[in-house]
Protein backbone atom coordinates (compact mmCIF):
# COMPACT_ATOMS: atom_id res chain seq x y z
CA UNK A 1 0.00 0.00 0.00
CA UNK A 2 1.34 3.43 -0.94
CA UNK A 3 0.09 6.97 -0.48
CA UNK A 4 1.81 9.95 -2.09
CA UNK A 5 0.88 13.60 -1.74
CA UNK A 6 2.43 17.06 -1.60
CA UNK A 7 1.88 20.14 0.52
CA UNK A 8 2.97 23.74 0.18
CA UNK A 9 5.85 24.83 2.37
CA UNK A 10 3.70 26.09 5.24
CA UNK A 11 4.11 24.91 8.84
CA UNK A 12 0.35 25.45 9.31
CA UNK A 13 -0.17 22.34 7.13
CA UNK A 14 1.56 19.97 9.59
CA UNK A 15 -1.80 18.84 11.08
CA UNK A 16 -2.89 17.77 7.58
CA UNK A 17 0.25 15.63 7.25
CA UNK A 18 -0.31 14.11 10.69
CA UNK A 19 -3.94 13.30 9.88
CA UNK A 20 -2.95 11.59 6.63
CA UNK A 21 -0.40 9.48 8.54
CA UNK A 22 -3.01 8.60 11.17
CA UNK A 23 -5.39 7.26 8.53
CA UNK A 24 -2.60 5.43 6.69
CA UNK A 25 -1.44 3.69 9.89
CA UNK A 26 -4.97 2.59 10.72
CA UNK A 27 -5.64 1.36 7.19
CA UNK A 28 -2.45 -0.72 7.41
CA UNK A 29 -3.34 -1.96 10.93
CA UNK A 30 -0.25 -0.42 12.51
CA UNK A 31 -1.99 2.29 14.50
CA UNK A 32 -0.06 1.55 17.69
CA UNK A 33 3.16 2.82 16.10
CA UNK A 34 1.54 6.11 15.04
CA UNK A 35 3.01 8.26 17.84
CA UNK A 36 6.69 7.50 17.23
CA UNK A 37 6.29 7.64 13.46
CA UNK A 38 4.36 10.90 13.72
CA UNK A 39 7.10 12.64 15.71
CA UNK A 40 9.75 11.64 13.16
CA UNK A 41 7.52 12.53 10.19
CA UNK A 42 6.58 15.96 11.51
CA UNK A 43 10.24 16.72 12.22
CA UNK A 44 11.22 15.67 8.68
CA UNK A 45 8.44 17.75 7.11
CA UNK A 46 9.29 20.75 9.31
CA UNK A 47 12.94 20.47 8.28
CA UNK A 48 11.91 20.28 4.61
CA UNK A 49 9.68 23.34 4.92
CA UNK A 50 11.95 25.56 7.01
CA UNK A 51 15.47 24.48 6.09
CA UNK A 52 14.98 22.88 2.69
CA UNK A 53 12.46 25.20 1.08
CA UNK A 54 13.17 28.26 3.24
CA UNK A 55 9.44 28.50 4.12
CA UNK A 56 8.78 29.52 0.51
CA UNK A 57 5.09 28.69 -0.02
CA UNK A 58 5.65 28.47 -3.78
CA UNK A 59 7.74 25.32 -3.17
CA UNK A 60 6.31 21.96 -2.20
CA UNK A 61 7.19 19.12 0.11
CA UNK A 62 6.50 15.65 -1.28
CA UNK A 63 5.51 12.91 1.15
CA UNK A 64 5.14 9.17 0.51
CA UNK A 65 3.95 6.50 2.93
CA UNK A 66 4.61 2.88 1.93
CA UNK A 67 4.26 -0.48 3.61
CA UNK A 68 7.52 -2.42 3.49
CA UNK A 69 9.32 -5.36 5.09
CA UNK A 70 7.10 -5.72 8.15
CA UNK A 71 6.65 -2.02 8.68
CA UNK A 72 6.20 1.30 6.99
CA UNK A 73 8.53 3.63 5.14
CA UNK A 74 8.18 7.37 4.83
CA UNK A 75 9.90 9.59 2.31
CA UNK A 76 9.97 13.36 2.54
CA UNK A 77 11.42 15.46 -0.29
CA UNK A 78 11.87 19.20 -0.64
CA UNK A 79 12.81 21.54 -3.49
CA UNK A 80 15.75 23.16 -1.72
CA UNK A 81 19.49 23.17 -2.44
CA UNK A 82 20.22 20.16 -0.25
CA UNK A 83 22.69 20.02 2.62
CA UNK A 84 25.63 18.03 3.98
CA UNK A 85 23.56 15.50 5.92
CA UNK A 86 26.62 13.55 7.04
CA UNK A 87 27.45 16.38 9.47
CA UNK A 88 24.23 15.86 11.45
CA UNK A 89 22.40 13.19 13.38
CA UNK A 90 24.71 12.44 16.27
CA UNK A 91 23.82 13.52 19.79
CA UNK A 92 23.56 17.34 19.80
CA UNK A 93 25.46 19.19 22.51
CA UNK A 94 23.07 21.96 23.53
CA UNK A 95 19.61 23.36 23.29
CA UNK A 96 18.45 24.14 19.77
CA UNK A 97 21.75 23.10 18.23
CA UNK A 98 21.84 22.27 14.53
CA UNK A 99 20.92 18.66 13.91
CA UNK A 100 18.69 18.13 16.93
CA UNK A 101 15.69 17.32 14.70
CA UNK A 102 17.75 14.88 12.66
CA UNK A 103 18.90 13.25 15.90
CA UNK A 104 15.26 12.78 16.95
CA UNK A 105 14.34 11.31 13.55
CA UNK A 106 17.34 8.97 13.59
CA UNK A 107 16.54 7.87 17.15
CA UNK A 108 12.94 6.96 16.32
CA UNK A 109 13.44 5.31 12.93
CA UNK A 110 14.84 1.82 12.52
CA UNK A 111 16.61 2.94 9.36
CA UNK A 112 17.14 6.40 7.91
CA UNK A 113 18.95 7.57 4.81
CA UNK A 114 19.30 10.74 2.79
CA UNK A 115 19.54 10.99 -0.97
CA UNK A 116 19.37 13.60 -3.72
CA UNK A 117 22.07 15.69 -1.99
CA UNK A 118 19.99 15.85 1.21
CA UNK A 119 16.74 16.90 -0.42
CA UNK A 120 15.11 13.52 0.26
CA UNK A 121 15.00 11.49 3.47
CA UNK A 122 13.65 7.96 3.82
CA UNK A 123 12.80 6.55 7.23
CA UNK A 124 11.77 2.96 7.87
CA UNK A 125 9.88 1.83 10.95
CA UNK A 126 9.66 -1.86 11.83
CA UNK A 127 6.21 -2.71 13.09
CA UNK A 128 6.14 -6.50 13.11
CA UNK A 129 8.46 -8.03 15.65
CA UNK A 130 9.96 -4.89 17.16
CA UNK A 131 11.30 -5.70 20.59
CA UNK A 132 9.83 -3.65 23.45
CA UNK A 133 13.36 -3.23 24.85
CA UNK A 134 14.42 -1.47 21.63
CA UNK A 135 11.55 0.98 22.01
CA UNK A 136 12.42 1.61 25.67
CA UNK A 137 16.09 2.21 24.79
CA UNK A 138 15.13 4.79 22.15
CA UNK A 139 12.85 6.59 24.57
CA UNK A 140 15.58 6.56 27.24
CA UNK A 141 18.11 8.13 24.83
CA UNK A 142 15.68 10.91 23.91
CA UNK A 143 14.68 11.56 27.54
CA UNK A 144 18.32 11.70 28.60
CA UNK A 145 19.14 14.16 25.84
CA UNK A 146 16.24 16.48 26.58
CA UNK A 147 16.84 16.32 30.34
CA UNK A 148 20.46 17.37 29.75
CA UNK A 149 19.42 20.17 27.42
CA UNK A 150 16.82 21.49 29.89
CA UNK A 151 19.35 21.55 32.74
């Protein structure tokens, strides 16, 4: 099952994206993974709107949801210049440091890769057979990071 759509580069459209994901997850019978997938998706779309397309409403963000290998995959593509994605995604060192959103996405997804010079990100989320301990470890890493940042 695949769903593809595009939105204008407007943060106000994030609830539309989240609603589409909600319906997709329920149609695919993976509604219990919606929360984690939603956080990663909204971060990816926000990054595409703000950083990729520079909040230029004349540009679009393409979004694709697909079922794959016991889970779902999400692709988000923007019309920007791209970026050096290899510089980001490790544990950020302070509040609102560059790459914090990518760190969150990478922490929640089972697999994440950039292509098209950073204009496209693909995240895969395992639904069937994911170990509860893996989920707890991911949550612990995020909580630890945000507790450190808040301190």
